[in-house]
Amino acid sequence: MTEHIKHHISSKHCSHCGGEGEGMKCPKCGKSSGHYDPFHWKECMGGGKFRVKCKACGQSEDHCSCI
């Protein structure tokens, strides 16, 4: 149980599949970054915020296609 919670709230794991994360990605505009930018939503045309990028599928955790 504790391991599942760590994966869900960790910036190093995808909250959808629990797999390893690889940086950050915006689910709205698709911009990727190696670190979290708390002000990305101001410059994003869709108003998106960075989410963990799933290493397995390359999508943000909001659009993870694993499982």
N, C-alpha and C. Protein backbone atom coordinates (compact mmCIF):
# COMPACT_ATOMS: atom_id res chain seq x y z
N MET A 1 0.82 -1.19 0.00
CA MET A 1 0.00 0.00 0.00
C MET A 1 0.86 1.25 0.00
N THR A 2 1.86 1.30 0.87
CA THR A 2 2.73 2.47 0.94
C THR A 2 3.45 2.70 -0.37
N GLU A 3 3.91 1.65 -1.02
CA GLU A 3 4.61 1.77 -2.30
C GLU A 3 3.70 2.39 -3.35
N HIS A 4 2.44 1.99 -3.38
CA HIS A 4 1.48 2.54 -4.33
C HIS A 4 1.30 4.05 -4.11
N ILE A 5 1.21 4.47 -2.88
CA ILE A 5 1.04 5.89 -2.56
C ILE A 5 2.27 6.68 -2.99
N LYS A 6 3.46 6.15 -2.76
CA LYS A 6 4.69 6.82 -3.17
C LYS A 6 4.73 7.01 -4.68
N HIS A 7 4.33 6.01 -5.43
CA HIS A 7 4.32 6.12 -6.89
C HIS A 7 3.27 7.12 -7.35
N HIS A 8 2.15 7.19 -6.67
CA HIS A 8 1.08 8.09 -7.08
C HIS A 8 1.43 9.55 -6.88
N ILE A 9 2.17 9.88 -5.82
CA ILE A 9 2.47 11.28 -5.55
C ILE A 9 3.90 11.68 -5.91
N SER A 10 4.69 10.76 -6.42
CA SER A 10 6.08 11.04 -6.74
C SER A 10 6.22 11.68 -8.11
N SER A 11 7.15 12.61 -8.24
CA SER A 11 7.42 13.22 -9.54
C SER A 11 8.32 12.33 -10.39
N LYS A 12 8.69 11.16 -9.86
CA LYS A 12 9.55 10.24 -10.59
C LYS A 12 8.78 9.05 -11.14
N HIS A 13 7.47 9.01 -10.89
CA HIS A 13 6.64 7.90 -11.35
C HIS A 13 5.34 8.42 -11.95
N CYS A 14 4.88 7.76 -12.98
CA CYS A 14 3.61 8.09 -13.62
C CYS A 14 2.47 7.66 -12.70
N SER A 15 1.55 8.55 -12.41
CA SER A 15 0.45 8.20 -11.51
C SER A 15 -0.58 7.29 -12.18
N HIS A 16 -0.57 7.20 -13.50
CA HIS A 16 -1.53 6.34 -14.20
C HIS A 16 -1.10 4.88 -14.17
N CYS A 17 0.16 4.61 -14.58
CA CYS A 17 0.60 3.22 -14.67
C CYS A 17 1.59 2.82 -13.58
N GLY A 18 2.12 3.81 -12.85
CA GLY A 18 3.09 3.52 -11.79
C GLY A 18 4.50 3.30 -12.31
N GLY A 19 4.68 3.45 -13.63
CA GLY A 19 6.00 3.27 -14.23
C GLY A 19 6.92 4.44 -13.97
N GLU A 20 8.13 4.30 -14.42
CA GLU A 20 9.15 5.32 -14.23
C GLU A 20 8.82 6.57 -15.04
N GLY A 21 9.08 7.73 -14.45
CA GLY A 21 8.86 9.00 -15.12
C GLY A 21 10.15 9.50 -15.73
N GLU A 22 10.02 10.38 -16.73
CA GLU A 22 11.17 10.94 -17.43
C GLU A 22 10.90 12.42 -17.71
N GLY A 23 11.12 13.27 -16.72
CA GLY A 23 10.89 14.69 -16.91
C GLY A 23 9.42 15.05 -16.80
N MET A 24 9.07 16.17 -17.40
CA MET A 24 7.71 16.69 -17.34
C MET A 24 7.18 16.97 -18.74
N LYS A 25 5.86 16.93 -18.90
CA LYS A 25 5.24 17.22 -20.18
C LYS A 25 3.88 17.85 -19.94
N CYS A 26 3.53 18.85 -20.75
CA CYS A 26 2.23 19.50 -20.64
C CYS A 26 1.20 18.71 -21.45
N PRO A 27 0.09 18.31 -20.84
CA PRO A 27 -0.92 17.55 -21.58
C PRO A 27 -1.70 18.40 -22.59
N LYS A 28 -1.65 19.70 -22.46
CA LYS A 28 -2.40 20.59 -23.36
C LYS A 28 -1.61 20.92 -24.63
N CYS A 29 -0.35 21.41 -24.48
CA CYS A 29 0.42 21.85 -25.64
C CYS A 29 1.50 20.87 -26.06
N GLY A 30 1.86 19.90 -25.20
CA GLY A 30 2.85 18.89 -25.54
C GLY A 30 4.29 19.29 -25.27
N LYS A 31 4.52 20.45 -24.70
CA LYS A 31 5.89 20.89 -24.41
C LYS A 31 6.49 19.99 -23.32
N SER A 32 7.75 19.59 -23.54
CA SER A 32 8.46 18.76 -22.57
C SER A 32 9.57 19.55 -21.90
N SER A 33 9.92 19.15 -20.69
CA SER A 33 10.98 19.80 -19.95
C SER A 33 11.60 18.79 -18.99
N GLY A 34 12.84 19.03 -18.63
CA GLY A 34 13.52 18.17 -17.68
C GLY A 34 13.16 18.48 -16.24
N HIS A 35 12.51 19.63 -16.03
CA HIS A 35 12.13 20.03 -14.68
C HIS A 35 10.74 20.66 -14.68
N TYR A 36 10.15 20.76 -13.52
CA TYR A 36 8.81 21.32 -13.36
C TYR A 36 8.87 22.84 -13.43
N ASP A 37 8.02 23.45 -14.23
CA ASP A 37 7.92 24.90 -14.34
C ASP A 37 6.55 25.30 -13.79
N PRO A 38 6.50 25.88 -12.59
CA PRO A 38 5.20 26.21 -11.99
C PRO A 38 4.44 27.32 -12.73
N PHE A 39 5.11 28.04 -13.61
CA PHE A 39 4.46 29.14 -14.33
C PHE A 39 4.18 28.82 -15.79
N HIS A 40 4.31 27.55 -16.18
CA HIS A 40 4.05 27.16 -17.57
C HIS A 40 2.62 27.49 -17.99
N TRP A 41 1.67 27.36 -17.10
CA TRP A 41 0.26 27.60 -17.42
C TRP A 41 0.03 29.03 -17.94
N LYS A 42 0.90 29.97 -17.57
CA LYS A 42 0.76 31.35 -18.02
C LYS A 42 1.13 31.52 -19.49
N GLU A 43 2.09 30.73 -19.96
CA GLU A 43 2.53 30.84 -21.35
C GLU A 43 1.88 29.80 -22.27
N CYS A 44 1.24 28.79 -21.70
CA CYS A 44 0.60 27.73 -22.48
C CYS A 44 -0.71 28.24 -23.06
N MET A 45 -0.90 28.03 -24.36
CA MET A 45 -2.13 28.48 -25.03
C MET A 45 -3.37 27.77 -24.46
N GLY A 46 -3.20 26.55 -23.98
CA GLY A 46 -4.32 25.79 -23.43
C GLY A 46 -4.46 25.92 -21.92
N GLY A 47 -3.53 26.65 -21.29
CA GLY A 47 -3.57 26.82 -19.84
C GLY A 47 -3.20 25.57 -19.07
N GLY A 48 -2.40 24.70 -19.70
CA GLY A 48 -2.02 23.44 -19.07
C GLY A 48 -0.88 23.58 -18.08
N LYS A 49 -0.79 22.62 -17.17
CA LYS A 49 0.29 22.57 -16.19
C LYS A 49 1.10 21.30 -16.45
N PHE A 50 2.40 21.38 -16.18
CA PHE A 50 3.27 20.22 -16.39
C PHE A 50 2.85 19.04 -15.53
N ARG A 51 2.93 17.87 -16.11
CA ARG A 51 2.68 16.59 -15.44
C ARG A 51 3.89 15.70 -15.69
N VAL A 52 4.01 14.62 -14.94
CA VAL A 52 5.10 13.67 -15.15
C VAL A 52 4.97 13.05 -16.53
N LYS A 53 6.09 12.93 -17.23
CA LYS A 53 6.12 12.29 -18.55
C LYS A 53 6.46 10.81 -18.35
N CYS A 54 5.58 9.93 -18.77
CA CYS A 54 5.79 8.49 -18.64
C CYS A 54 6.92 8.06 -19.57
N LYS A 55 7.91 7.38 -19.02
CA LYS A 55 9.06 6.94 -19.80
C LYS A 55 8.68 5.87 -20.82
N ALA A 56 7.72 5.03 -20.48
CA ALA A 56 7.34 3.91 -21.35
C ALA A 56 6.63 4.37 -22.63
N CYS A 57 5.65 5.28 -22.51
CA CYS A 57 4.88 5.68 -23.68
C CYS A 57 5.20 7.09 -24.17
N GLY A 58 5.91 7.89 -23.36
CA GLY A 58 6.29 9.24 -23.77
C GLY A 58 5.20 10.28 -23.64
N GLN A 59 4.08 9.92 -23.03
CA GLN A 59 2.96 10.85 -22.87
C GLN A 59 2.95 11.40 -21.44
N SER A 60 2.24 12.52 -21.25
CA SER A 60 2.07 13.03 -19.89
C SER A 60 1.16 12.03 -19.14
N GLU A 61 1.28 12.03 -17.81
CA GLU A 61 0.50 11.04 -17.05
C GLU A 61 -1.00 11.17 -17.28
N ASP A 62 -1.48 12.33 -17.70
CA ASP A 62 -2.90 12.52 -18.02
C ASP A 62 -3.32 11.74 -19.27
N HIS A 63 -2.37 11.52 -20.20
CA HIS A 63 -2.66 10.83 -21.45
C HIS A 63 -1.87 9.53 -21.59
N CYS A 64 -1.42 8.98 -20.48
CA CYS A 64 -0.63 7.74 -20.49
C CYS A 64 -1.43 6.62 -21.16
N SER A 65 -0.79 5.93 -22.10
CA SER A 65 -1.48 4.86 -22.83
C SER A 65 -1.09 3.47 -22.33
N CYS A 66 -0.31 3.40 -21.27
CA CYS A 66 0.07 2.11 -20.69
C CYS A 66 -1.12 1.52 -19.94
N ILE A 67 -1.16 0.23 -19.84
CA ILE A 67 -2.18 -0.57 -19.14
C ILE A 67 -3.51 -0.53 -19.85
